[in-house]
């Protein structure tokens, strides 16, 4: 179903909670605890799954990129 637009209904519950329909969860391979960027865009709510890395991992990746740049130049 990847690439196709899937429209389903969800209900706003207590404490502003919304359950993502199982079909969408399965299609996107989402898991409990996944993080999302949420924004309002032209009157629509847009959820985008995100991955959060510890700062140490980001710093190591940056260092590796810098090392690779030195071997290319």
C-alpha atoms as a PDB file:
ATOM      1  CA  UNK A   1       0.000   0.000   0.000  1.00  0.00           C
ATOM      2  CA  UNK A   2       3.071   2.223   0.074  1.00  0.00           C
ATOM      3  CA  UNK A   3       2.725   5.405  -1.966  1.00  0.00           C
ATOM      4  CA  UNK A   4      -1.067   5.337  -1.948  1.00  0.00           C
ATOM      5  CA  UNK A   5      -3.159   7.870  -0.085  1.00  0.00           C
ATOM      6  CA  UNK A   6      -5.082   6.209   2.738  1.00  0.00           C
ATOM      7  CA  UNK A   7      -7.911   8.178   4.358  1.00  0.00           C
ATOM      8  CA  UNK A   8      -9.413   6.903   7.596  1.00  0.00           C
ATOM      9  CA  UNK A   9     -11.287   8.425  10.516  1.00  0.00           C
ATOM     10  CA  UNK A  10      -9.919   8.908  14.009  1.00  0.00           C
ATOM     11  CA  UNK A  11     -11.624  10.341  17.071  1.00  0.00           C
ATOM     12  CA  UNK A  12     -10.225  12.926  19.489  1.00  0.00           C
ATOM     13  CA  UNK A  13     -10.379  11.353  22.957  1.00  0.00           C
ATOM     14  CA  UNK A  14      -9.841  12.606  26.486  1.00  0.00           C
ATOM     15  CA  UNK A  15      -6.546  14.423  27.056  1.00  0.00           C
ATOM     16  CA  UNK A  16      -6.370  15.248  23.312  1.00  0.00           C
ATOM     17  CA  UNK A  17      -5.428  11.671  22.396  1.00  0.00           C
ATOM     18  CA  UNK A  18      -5.986  10.238  18.921  1.00  0.00           C
ATOM     19  CA  UNK A  19      -5.520   6.576  18.004  1.00  0.00           C
ATOM     20  CA  UNK A  20      -3.803   6.011  14.679  1.00  0.00           C
ATOM     21  CA  UNK A  21      -5.766   3.345  12.771  1.00  0.00           C
ATOM     22  CA  UNK A  22      -4.076  -0.082  12.824  1.00  0.00           C
ATOM     23  CA  UNK A  23      -3.863  -0.285   9.041  1.00  0.00           C
ATOM     24  CA  UNK A  24      -1.785   2.912   8.967  1.00  0.00           C
ATOM     25  CA  UNK A  25       0.365   1.721  11.903  1.00  0.00           C
ATOM     26  CA  UNK A  26       1.018  -1.547  10.070  1.00  0.00           C
ATOM     27  CA  UNK A  27       1.678   0.110   6.692  1.00  0.00           C
ATOM     28  CA  UNK A  28       4.232   2.486   8.233  1.00  0.00           C
ATOM     29  CA  UNK A  29       5.667  -0.207  10.549  1.00  0.00           C
ATOM     30  CA  UNK A  30       5.126   2.031  13.579  1.00  0.00           C
ATOM     31  CA  UNK A  31       5.707   0.786  17.130  1.00  0.00           C
ATOM     32  CA  UNK A  32       4.626   1.880  20.567  1.00  0.00           C
ATOM     33  CA  UNK A  33       6.910   4.672  21.749  1.00  0.00           C
ATOM     34  CA  UNK A  34       7.716   6.010  18.265  1.00  0.00           C
ATOM     35  CA  UNK A  35       8.083   9.797  18.143  1.00  0.00           C
ATOM     36  CA  UNK A  36       6.350  12.180  15.741  1.00  0.00           C
ATOM     37  CA  UNK A  37       6.770  15.740  14.621  1.00  0.00           C
ATOM     38  CA  UNK A  38       3.308  17.304  14.681  1.00  0.00           C
ATOM     39  CA  UNK A  39       2.336  20.516  12.954  1.00  0.00           C
ATOM     40  CA  UNK A  40      -0.700  22.392  11.724  1.00  0.00           C
ATOM     41  CA  UNK A  41      -0.536  23.018   8.003  1.00  0.00           C
ATOM     42  CA  UNK A  42      -3.315  24.864   6.164  1.00  0.00           C
ATOM     43  CA  UNK A  43      -5.938  23.676   8.655  1.00  0.00           C
ATOM     44  CA  UNK A  44      -4.717  20.056   8.655  1.00  0.00           C
ATOM     45  CA  UNK A  45      -2.825  18.161  11.360  1.00  0.00           C
ATOM     46  CA  UNK A  46       0.310  16.544   9.935  1.00  0.00           C
ATOM     47  CA  UNK A  47       2.171  13.804  11.837  1.00  0.00           C
ATOM     48  CA  UNK A  48       5.623  12.809  10.607  1.00  0.00           C
ATOM     49  CA  UNK A  49       7.496   9.894  12.216  1.00  0.00           C
ATOM     50  CA  UNK A  50      10.958  10.912  13.412  1.00  0.00           C
ATOM     51  CA  UNK A  51      14.003   9.134  14.799  1.00  0.00           C
ATOM     52  CA  UNK A  52      15.816  10.715  17.707  1.00  0.00           C
ATOM     53  CA  UNK A  53      19.512   9.942  18.200  1.00  0.00           C
ATOM     54  CA  UNK A  54      21.559  10.665  21.307  1.00  0.00           C
ATOM     55  CA  UNK A  55      23.921  13.654  20.911  1.00  0.00           C
ATOM     56  CA  UNK A  56      26.932  11.335  21.266  1.00  0.00           C
ATOM     57  CA  UNK A  57      25.858   9.379  18.162  1.00  0.00           C
ATOM     58  CA  UNK A  58      25.359  12.590  16.178  1.00  0.00           C
ATOM     59  CA  UNK A  59      28.796  13.871  17.217  1.00  0.00           C
ATOM     60  CA  UNK A  60      30.410  10.566  16.166  1.00  0.00           C
ATOM     61  CA  UNK A  61      28.665  10.680  12.785  1.00  0.00           C
ATOM     62  CA  UNK A  62      29.835  14.260  12.227  1.00  0.00           C
ATOM     63  CA  UNK A  63      33.395  13.238  13.081  1.00  0.00           C
ATOM     64  CA  UNK A  64      33.209  10.306  10.642  1.00  0.00           C
ATOM     65  CA  UNK A  65      31.937  12.596   7.885  1.00  0.00           C
ATOM     66  CA  UNK A  66      34.789  15.032   8.507  1.00  0.00           C
ATOM     67  CA  UNK A  67      37.298  12.165   8.346  1.00  0.00           C
ATOM     68  CA  UNK A  68      35.780  10.977   5.055  1.00  0.00           C
ATOM     69  CA  UNK A  69      35.967  14.497   3.609  1.00  0.00           C
ATOM     70  CA  UNK A  70      39.704  14.580   4.328  1.00  0.00           C
ATOM     71  CA  UNK A  71      40.270  11.379   2.337  1.00  0.00           C
ATOM     72  CA  UNK A  72      38.280  12.709  -0.640  1.00  0.00           C
ATOM     73  CA  UNK A  73      39.999  16.086  -0.879  1.00  0.00           C
END
